[in-house]
Amino acid sequence: MIPPLTPDVLAARILYRDALMLVIDKPAGLPVHPGHGGGETLEDHLDALRFGLPARPQIVHRLDRDTSGCLALGRHAKALRRLNGLFAERRVTKIYHAWLDAIPADQNGIIDCPIAPIDPLTPWRVIADPEGLRPGAQPAQTRWQVLEKRDSRALVELRPVTGRTHQLRVHCAHAGWPICGDALHGSASHGTPLLLHARALVVPLYPRRDPIRVEAPLPAHFPAPAPSPKDAKLC
């Protein structure tokens, strides 16, 4: 259950703000856009993020309802065009952390597998299509790296090269290590938190400046990684 998104609560979730862009820490459980099931969405609350501008900001990309973390918004039409172009040209780096229900055999790699809708009438329901022969199949690539192994699970960093619907969840399940809590593409029961978090965005928004890097803290339901040796306290 997410707390009510009052203007103060939403403002407290702002990770970055300048004249062109906002990045907020989207809570898990809140859809970004209206869907076939109806209900509250982030779009219902965008007026609270105007900060003096005549129009409300617009969402640039998607996060699944149950995915938490960094979400970028353009503050006006010119900013939205700029950001849409950067995402379309794949110049924005999207970094996710996920706990997996299995441990990959390798330390890193790339998953290169097309994704296709199960039925063209329900394009949000997708599956891996290794041969790319199903109607509507699209190329999809995800880079991954193991960060930690704990018991029978692994914490990984995921960097989608493309941006297909449910790409990370489909790719991890296809590789044999579904994301913990994924009741749609894995074996988790409904109601189990999805352990997928949009950890960071790196956006080259201004040509003559360094890219903007924004990080979202891990949510309360997300197991914290083990401290690195340099962070461990000395006895």
C-alpha atoms as a PDB file:
ATOM      1  CA  MET A   1       0.000   0.000   0.000  1.00  0.00           C
ATOM      2  CA  ILE A   2       1.484   3.339  -1.055  1.00  0.00           C
ATOM      3  CA  PRO A   3       0.781   6.475   1.012  1.00  0.00           C
ATOM      4  CA  PRO A   4      -1.593   9.071  -0.461  1.00  0.00           C
ATOM      5  CA  LEU A   5       0.260  11.219  -2.988  1.00  0.00           C
ATOM      6  CA  THR A   6      -0.370  14.643  -1.519  1.00  0.00           C
ATOM      7  CA  PRO A   7       1.539  17.557  -3.092  1.00  0.00           C
ATOM      8  CA  ASP A   8       3.982  17.506  -0.164  1.00  0.00           C
ATOM      9  CA  VAL A   9       4.583  13.760  -0.480  1.00  0.00           C
ATOM     10  CA  LEU A  10       5.149  14.071  -4.224  1.00  0.00           C
ATOM     11  CA  ALA A  11       7.491  17.046  -3.780  1.00  0.00           C
ATOM     12  CA  ALA A  12       9.536  15.018  -1.290  1.00  0.00           C
ATOM     13  CA  ARG A  13      10.063  12.376  -3.988  1.00  0.00           C
ATOM     14  CA  ILE A  14      11.727  14.810  -6.411  1.00  0.00           C
ATOM     15  CA  LEU A  15      15.294  13.682  -7.053  1.00  0.00           C
ATOM     16  CA  TYR A  16      16.290  16.367  -9.567  1.00  0.00           C
ATOM     17  CA  ARG A  17      14.817  19.614 -10.877  1.00  0.00           C
ATOM     18  CA  ASP A  18      16.026  22.263 -13.295  1.00  0.00           C
ATOM     19  CA  ALA A  19      14.453  24.467 -15.966  1.00  0.00           C
ATOM     20  CA  LEU A  20      13.920  21.556 -18.385  1.00  0.00           C
ATOM     21  CA  MET A  21      13.599  18.327 -16.440  1.00  0.00           C
ATOM     22  CA  LEU A  22      12.243  16.755 -13.295  1.00  0.00           C
ATOM     23  CA  VAL A  23      13.231  13.303 -12.081  1.00  0.00           C
ATOM     24  CA  ILE A  24      11.044  11.769  -9.402  1.00  0.00           C
ATOM     25  CA  ASP A  25      11.299   8.604  -7.339  1.00  0.00           C
ATOM     26  CA  LYS A  26       8.162   6.750  -8.429  1.00  0.00           C
ATOM     27  CA  PRO A  27       6.761   4.488  -5.716  1.00  0.00           C
ATOM     28  CA  ALA A  28       6.093   0.843  -6.498  1.00  0.00           C
ATOM     29  CA  GLY A  29       2.407   0.077  -6.962  1.00  0.00           C
ATOM     30  CA  LEU A  30       1.507   3.300  -8.787  1.00  0.00           C
ATOM     31  CA  PRO A  31       0.859   3.130 -12.556  1.00  0.00           C
ATOM     32  CA  VAL A  32       2.400   5.908 -14.615  1.00  0.00           C
ATOM     33  CA  HIS A  33      -0.380   6.123 -17.220  1.00  0.00           C
ATOM     34  CA  PRO A  34      -4.049   5.091 -17.231  1.00  0.00           C
ATOM     35  CA  GLY A  35      -4.456   1.451 -18.176  1.00  0.00           C
ATOM     36  CA  HIS A  36      -7.147  -1.043 -18.977  1.00  0.00           C
ATOM     37  CA  GLY A  37      -7.773  -1.644 -15.269  1.00  0.00           C
ATOM     38  CA  GLY A  38      -8.454   1.989 -14.353  1.00  0.00           C
ATOM     39  CA  GLY A  39      -7.556   3.445 -10.959  1.00  0.00           C
ATOM     40  CA  GLU A  40      -5.193   6.135  -9.698  1.00  0.00           C
ATOM     41  CA  THR A  41      -2.106   6.962 -11.775  1.00  0.00           C
ATOM     42  CA  LEU A  42       0.840   9.318 -11.534  1.00  0.00           C
ATOM     43  CA  GLU A  43      -0.712  11.433 -14.291  1.00  0.00           C
ATOM     44  CA  ASP A  44      -3.489  12.360 -11.852  1.00  0.00           C
ATOM     45  CA  HIS A  45      -0.963  14.271  -9.727  1.00  0.00           C
ATOM     46  CA  LEU A  46       1.180  16.137 -12.262  1.00  0.00           C
ATOM     47  CA  ASP A  47      -0.429  19.527 -11.572  1.00  0.00           C
ATOM     48  CA  ALA A  48       1.403  19.517  -8.233  1.00  0.00           C
ATOM     49  CA  LEU A  49       4.716  19.556 -10.140  1.00  0.00           C
ATOM     50  CA  ARG A  50       4.238  22.757 -12.150  1.00  0.00           C
ATOM     51  CA  PHE A  51       6.316  24.951  -9.808  1.00  0.00           C
ATOM     52  CA  GLY A  52       5.038  28.164 -11.370  1.00  0.00           C
ATOM     53  CA  LEU A  53       4.924  27.052 -15.006  1.00  0.00           C
ATOM     54  CA  PRO A  54       1.634  27.404 -16.928  1.00  0.00           C
ATOM     55  CA  ALA A  55       1.445  23.744 -17.962  1.00  0.00           C
ATOM     56  CA  ARG A  56       2.084  20.620 -15.980  1.00  0.00           C
ATOM     57  CA  PRO A  57       5.142  18.481 -16.798  1.00  0.00           C
ATOM     58  CA  GLN A  58       4.821  15.457 -19.061  1.00  0.00           C
ATOM     59  CA  ILE A  59       6.164  11.950 -18.473  1.00  0.00           C
ATOM     60  CA  VAL A  60       8.963  11.042 -20.884  1.00  0.00           C
ATOM     61  CA  HIS A  61       9.230   7.260 -20.492  1.00  0.00           C
ATOM     62  CA  ARG A  62       7.501   4.359 -18.764  1.00  0.00           C
ATOM     63  CA  LEU A  63       7.991   2.368 -15.604  1.00  0.00           C
ATOM     64  CA  ASP A  64       5.823  -0.642 -14.815  1.00  0.00           C
ATOM     65  CA  ARG A  65       3.303  -0.165 -12.030  1.00  0.00           C
ATOM     66  CA  ASP A  66       5.288  -2.343  -9.617  1.00  0.00           C
ATOM     67  CA  THR A  67       8.706  -0.911 -10.532  1.00  0.00           C
ATOM     68  CA  SER A  68      10.048   1.862  -8.315  1.00  0.00           C
ATOM     69  CA  GLY A  69      12.672   4.508  -8.945  1.00  0.00           C
ATOM     70  CA  CYS A  70      13.833   7.172 -11.391  1.00  0.00           C
ATOM     71  CA  LEU A  71      11.245   8.605 -13.766  1.00  0.00           C
ATOM     72  CA  ALA A  72      11.977  11.636 -15.973  1.00  0.00           C
ATOM     73  CA  LEU A  73       9.488  14.369 -16.870  1.00  0.00           C
ATOM     74  CA  GLY A  74       9.801  17.268 -19.303  1.00  0.00           C
ATOM     75  CA  ARG A  75       8.717  20.565 -17.759  1.00  0.00           C
ATOM     76  CA  HIS A  76       7.396  22.146 -20.974  1.00  0.00           C
ATOM     77  CA  ALA A  77       6.950  21.358 -24.675  1.00  0.00           C
ATOM     78  CA  LYS A  78      10.506  22.277 -25.733  1.00  0.00           C
ATOM     79  CA  ALA A  79      12.000  20.232 -22.907  1.00  0.00           C
ATOM     80  CA  LEU A  80       9.759  17.294 -23.744  1.00  0.00           C
ATOM     81  CA  ARG A  81      10.915  17.324 -27.378  1.00  0.00           C
ATOM     82  CA  ARG A  82      14.542  17.410 -26.261  1.00  0.00           C
ATOM     83  CA  LEU A  83      14.111  14.530 -23.823  1.00  0.00           C
ATOM     84  CA  ASN A  84      12.032  12.452 -26.227  1.00  0.00           C
ATOM     85  CA  GLY A  85      14.816  12.814 -28.783  1.00  0.00           C
ATOM     86  CA  LEU A  86      17.487  11.688 -26.321  1.00  0.00           C
ATOM     87  CA  PHE A  87      15.486   8.614 -25.336  1.00  0.00           C
ATOM     88  CA  ALA A  88      14.643   7.781 -28.961  1.00  0.00           C
ATOM     89  CA  GLU A  89      18.329   8.036 -29.911  1.00  0.00           C
ATOM     90  CA  ARG A  90      19.241   5.771 -26.951  1.00  0.00           C
ATOM     91  CA  ARG A  91      21.530   8.408 -25.489  1.00  0.00           C
ATOM     92  CA  VAL A  92      19.996   8.138 -22.015  1.00  0.00           C
ATOM     93  CA  THR A  93      21.503   5.435 -19.811  1.00  0.00           C
ATOM     94  CA  LYS A  94      18.920   3.621 -17.691  1.00  0.00           C
ATOM     95  CA  ILE A  95      20.294   1.587 -14.786  1.00  0.00           C
ATOM     96  CA  TYR A  96      18.148  -0.866 -12.835  1.00  0.00           C
ATOM     97  CA  HIS A  97      18.833  -3.090  -9.857  1.00  0.00           C
ATOM     98  CA  ALA A  98      16.963  -6.366  -9.451  1.00  0.00           C
ATOM     99  CA  TRP A  99      17.064  -9.406  -7.219  1.00  0.00           C
ATOM    100  CA  LEU A 100      16.761 -12.647  -9.173  1.00  0.00           C
ATOM    101  CA  ASP A 101      15.220 -15.951  -8.122  1.00  0.00           C
ATOM    102  CA  ALA A 102      18.316 -17.781  -9.406  1.00  0.00           C
ATOM    103  CA  ILE A 103      22.026 -17.140  -9.899  1.00  0.00           C
ATOM    104  CA  PRO A 104      23.309 -16.626 -13.462  1.00  0.00           C
ATOM    105  CA  ALA A 105      26.119 -18.933 -14.534  1.00  0.00           C
ATOM    106  CA  ASP A 106      28.217 -16.012 -15.813  1.00  0.00           C
ATOM    107  CA  GLN A 107      29.186 -12.735 -14.182  1.00  0.00           C
ATOM    108  CA  ASN A 108      27.876 -10.499 -16.958  1.00  0.00           C
ATOM    109  CA  GLY A 109      26.531 -10.588 -20.476  1.00  0.00           C
ATOM    110  CA  ILE A 110      23.884  -9.340 -22.863  1.00  0.00           C
ATOM    111  CA  ILE A 111      20.452 -10.816 -23.526  1.00  0.00           C
ATOM    112  CA  ASP A 112      19.538 -10.378 -27.185  1.00  0.00           C
ATOM    113  CA  CYS A 113      16.024 -11.704 -27.689  1.00  0.00           C
ATOM    114  CA  PRO A 114      13.034 -10.178 -29.500  1.00  0.00           C
ATOM    115  CA  ILE A 115       9.854  -9.509 -27.537  1.00  0.00           C
ATOM    116  CA  ALA A 116       6.378  -9.922 -28.996  1.00  0.00           C
ATOM    117  CA  PRO A 117       2.793  -9.461 -27.821  1.00  0.00           C
ATOM    118  CA  ILE A 118       0.908 -12.641 -27.007  1.00  0.00           C
ATOM    119  CA  ASP A 119      -2.079 -11.163 -28.826  1.00  0.00           C
ATOM    120  CA  PRO A 120      -2.054  -7.984 -30.972  1.00  0.00           C
ATOM    121  CA  LEU A 121      -5.236  -6.903 -29.170  1.00  0.00           C
ATOM    122  CA  THR A 122      -3.403  -6.888 -25.809  1.00  0.00           C
ATOM    123  CA  PRO A 123       0.024  -5.382 -26.612  1.00  0.00           C
ATOM    124  CA  TRP A 124       0.894  -5.006 -22.915  1.00  0.00           C
ATOM    125  CA  ARG A 125       0.981  -8.822 -22.529  1.00  0.00           C
ATOM    126  CA  VAL A 126       4.302  -9.886 -24.024  1.00  0.00           C
ATOM    127  CA  ILE A 127       6.635 -12.879 -24.214  1.00  0.00           C
ATOM    128  CA  ALA A 128      10.145 -13.656 -25.389  1.00  0.00           C
ATOM    129  CA  ASP A 129      10.225 -14.586 -29.073  1.00  0.00           C
ATOM    130  CA  PRO A 130      13.761 -15.888 -29.768  1.00  0.00           C
ATOM    131  CA  GLU A 131      13.111 -16.413 -33.477  1.00  0.00           C
ATOM    132  CA  GLY A 132      11.330 -13.082 -33.871  1.00  0.00           C
ATOM    133  CA  LEU A 133       8.583 -14.670 -35.953  1.00  0.00           C
ATOM    134  CA  ARG A 134       5.473 -13.691 -34.002  1.00  0.00           C
ATOM    135  CA  PRO A 135       3.391 -10.734 -35.267  1.00  0.00           C
ATOM    136  CA  GLY A 136       4.622  -7.516 -33.702  1.00  0.00           C
ATOM    137  CA  ALA A 137       7.981  -8.928 -32.561  1.00  0.00           C
ATOM    138  CA  GLN A 138      10.597  -6.242 -31.870  1.00  0.00           C
ATOM    139  CA  PRO A 139      14.354  -6.541 -31.281  1.00  0.00           C
ATOM    140  CA  ALA A 140      15.343  -6.164 -27.628  1.00  0.00           C
ATOM    141  CA  GLN A 141      18.710  -6.147 -25.857  1.00  0.00           C
ATOM    142  CA  THR A 142      19.611  -5.940 -22.175  1.00  0.00           C
ATOM    143  CA  ARG A 143      23.090  -5.750 -20.655  1.00  0.00           C
ATOM    144  CA  TRP A 144      23.479  -7.291 -17.203  1.00  0.00           C
ATOM    145  CA  GLN A 145      26.080  -7.729 -14.484  1.00  0.00           C
ATOM    146  CA  VAL A 146      25.980  -9.643 -11.211  1.00  0.00           C
ATOM    147  CA  LEU A 147      26.608  -7.386  -8.212  1.00  0.00           C
ATOM    148  CA  GLU A 148      26.090  -9.872  -5.393  1.00  0.00           C
ATOM    149  CA  LYS A 149      25.171 -13.507  -4.743  1.00  0.00           C
ATOM    150  CA  ARG A 150      23.209 -14.380  -1.623  1.00  0.00           C
ATOM    151  CA  ASP A 151      21.975 -17.914  -0.940  1.00  0.00           C
ATOM    152  CA  SER A 152      20.068 -18.910  -4.103  1.00  0.00           C
ATOM    153  CA  ARG A 153      19.496 -15.355  -5.315  1.00  0.00           C
ATOM    154  CA  ALA A 154      21.543 -12.724  -7.105  1.00  0.00           C
ATOM    155  CA  LEU A 155      21.494  -8.941  -7.182  1.00  0.00           C
ATOM    156  CA  VAL A 156      22.114  -7.693 -10.709  1.00  0.00           C
ATOM    157  CA  GLU A 157      22.502  -4.417 -12.530  1.00  0.00           C
ATOM    158  CA  LEU A 158      20.408  -4.268 -15.700  1.00  0.00           C
ATOM    159  CA  ARG A 159      20.918  -1.764 -18.509  1.00  0.00           C
ATOM    160  CA  PRO A 160      18.278  -1.970 -21.241  1.00  0.00           C
ATOM    161  CA  VAL A 161      19.617  -1.020 -24.655  1.00  0.00           C
ATOM    162  CA  THR A 162      16.097  -0.957 -26.077  1.00  0.00           C
ATOM    163  CA  GLY A 163      12.905  -0.014 -24.258  1.00  0.00           C
ATOM    164  CA  ARG A 164      10.239  -2.656 -24.865  1.00  0.00           C
ATOM    165  CA  THR A 165       7.225  -3.338 -22.668  1.00  0.00           C
ATOM    166  CA  HIS A 166       8.231  -5.472 -19.648  1.00  0.00           C
ATOM    167  CA  GLN A 167      11.631  -5.957 -21.295  1.00  0.00           C
ATOM    168  CA  LEU A 168      13.706  -6.598 -18.179  1.00  0.00           C
ATOM    169  CA  ARG A 169      11.153  -8.949 -16.663  1.00  0.00           C
ATOM    170  CA  VAL A 170      10.727 -10.916 -19.899  1.00  0.00           C
ATOM    171  CA  HIS A 171      14.464 -11.113 -20.569  1.00  0.00           C
ATOM    172  CA  CYS A 172      15.379 -12.269 -17.067  1.00  0.00           C
ATOM    173  CA  ALA A 173      12.662 -14.931 -17.107  1.00  0.00           C
ATOM    174  CA  HIS A 174      13.779 -16.061 -20.578  1.00  0.00           C
ATOM    175  CA  ALA A 175      17.364 -16.394 -19.308  1.00  0.00           C
ATOM    176  CA  GLY A 176      16.193 -18.730 -16.541  1.00  0.00           C
ATOM    177  CA  TRP A 177      16.424 -16.309 -13.629  1.00  0.00           C
ATOM    178  CA  PRO A 178      13.120 -14.438 -13.182  1.00  0.00           C
ATOM    179  CA  ILE A 179      13.027 -11.309 -11.061  1.00  0.00           C
ATOM    180  CA  CYS A 180      11.908 -11.933  -7.488  1.00  0.00           C
ATOM    181  CA  GLY A 181       8.257 -11.097  -7.008  1.00  0.00           C
ATOM    182  CA  ASP A 182       7.352 -11.302 -10.695  1.00  0.00           C
ATOM    183  CA  ALA A 183       3.972 -13.032 -10.727  1.00  0.00           C
ATOM    184  CA  LEU A 184       3.485 -12.350 -14.448  1.00  0.00           C
ATOM    185  CA  HIS A 185       6.708 -13.729 -15.931  1.00  0.00           C
ATOM    186  CA  GLY A 186       8.020 -15.739 -12.974  1.00  0.00           C
ATOM    187  CA  SER A 187       6.535 -18.044 -10.354  1.00  0.00           C
ATOM    188  CA  ALA A 188       5.907 -15.551  -7.547  1.00  0.00           C
ATOM    189  CA  SER A 189       2.483 -15.368  -5.958  1.00  0.00           C
ATOM    190  CA  HIS A 190       0.382 -12.246  -6.459  1.00  0.00           C
ATOM    191  CA  GLY A 191       1.019  -9.634  -3.799  1.00  0.00           C
ATOM    192  CA  THR A 192       4.734 -10.399  -3.480  1.00  0.00           C
ATOM    193  CA  PRO A 193       6.739  -7.173  -4.027  1.00  0.00           C
ATOM    194  CA  LEU A 194       8.548  -6.995  -7.357  1.00  0.00           C
ATOM    195  CA  LEU A 195      12.250  -6.493  -6.634  1.00  0.00           C
ATOM    196  CA  LEU A 196      12.996  -4.278  -9.635  1.00  0.00           C
ATOM    197  CA  HIS A 197      14.162  -0.719  -9.043  1.00  0.00           C
ATOM    198  CA  ALA A 198      15.106   2.021 -11.525  1.00  0.00           C
ATOM    199  CA  ARG A 199      18.296   2.931  -9.699  1.00  0.00           C
ATOM    200  CA  ALA A 200      19.675   5.701 -11.909  1.00  0.00           C
ATOM    201  CA  LEU A 201      19.323   7.786 -15.051  1.00  0.00           C
ATOM    202  CA  VAL A 202      22.226   9.414 -16.892  1.00  0.00           C
ATOM    203  CA  VAL A 203      20.912  12.142 -19.197  1.00  0.00           C
ATOM    204  CA  PRO A 204      23.119  14.210 -21.578  1.00  0.00           C
ATOM    205  CA  LEU A 205      20.611  17.041 -21.462  1.00  0.00           C
ATOM    206  CA  TYR A 206      22.948  19.972 -22.101  1.00  0.00           C
ATOM    207  CA  PRO A 207      25.477  19.742 -24.968  1.00  0.00           C
ATOM    208  CA  ARG A 208      28.231  21.717 -23.216  1.00  0.00           C
ATOM    209  CA  ARG A 209      27.863  20.143 -19.774  1.00  0.00           C
ATOM    210  CA  ASP A 210      28.537  16.749 -18.279  1.00  0.00           C
ATOM    211  CA  PRO A 211      25.586  14.331 -18.365  1.00  0.00           C
ATOM    212  CA  ILE A 212      23.206  14.605 -15.435  1.00  0.00           C
ATOM    213  CA  ARG A 213      23.253  11.511 -13.225  1.00  0.00           C
ATOM    214  CA  VAL A 214      20.316  11.008 -10.879  1.00  0.00           C
ATOM    215  CA  GLU A 215      20.029   8.124  -8.413  1.00  0.00           C
ATOM    216  CA  ALA A 216      16.988   6.874  -6.514  1.00  0.00           C
ATOM    217  CA  PRO A 217      17.461   5.386  -3.036  1.00  0.00           C
ATOM    218  CA  LEU A 218      16.449   1.777  -2.562  1.00  0.00           C
ATOM    219  CA  PRO A 219      12.826   1.454  -1.409  1.00  0.00           C
ATOM    220  CA  ALA A 220      11.976  -0.073   1.954  1.00  0.00           C
ATOM    221  CA  HIS A 221      10.830  -3.385   0.442  1.00  0.00           C
ATOM    222  CA  PHE A 222      14.104  -3.869  -1.474  1.00  0.00           C
ATOM    223  CA  PRO A 223      16.828  -5.948   0.261  1.00  0.00           C
ATOM    224  CA  ALA A 224      19.920  -3.835   0.730  1.00  0.00           C
ATOM    225  CA  PRO A 225      23.145  -5.067  -0.875  1.00  0.00           C
ATOM    226  CA  ALA A 226      25.938  -6.238   1.378  1.00  0.00           C
ATOM    227  CA  PRO A 227      28.384  -3.445   2.274  1.00  0.00           C
ATOM    228  CA  SER A 228      31.538  -3.402   0.213  1.00  0.00           C
ATOM    229  CA  PRO A 229      34.835  -3.955   2.070  1.00  0.00           C
ATOM    230  CA  LYS A 230      35.699  -0.262   1.846  1.00  0.00           C
ATOM    231  CA  ASP A 231      32.370   0.609   3.510  1.00  0.00           C
ATOM    232  CA  ALA A 232      32.676  -1.954   6.308  1.00  0.00           C
ATOM    233  CA  LYS A 233      33.438  -0.632   9.776  1.00  0.00           C
ATOM    234  CA  LEU A 234      36.854  -1.391  11.184  1.00  0.00           C
ATOM    235  CA  CYS A 235      36.909  -3.521  14.334  1.00  0.00           C
END
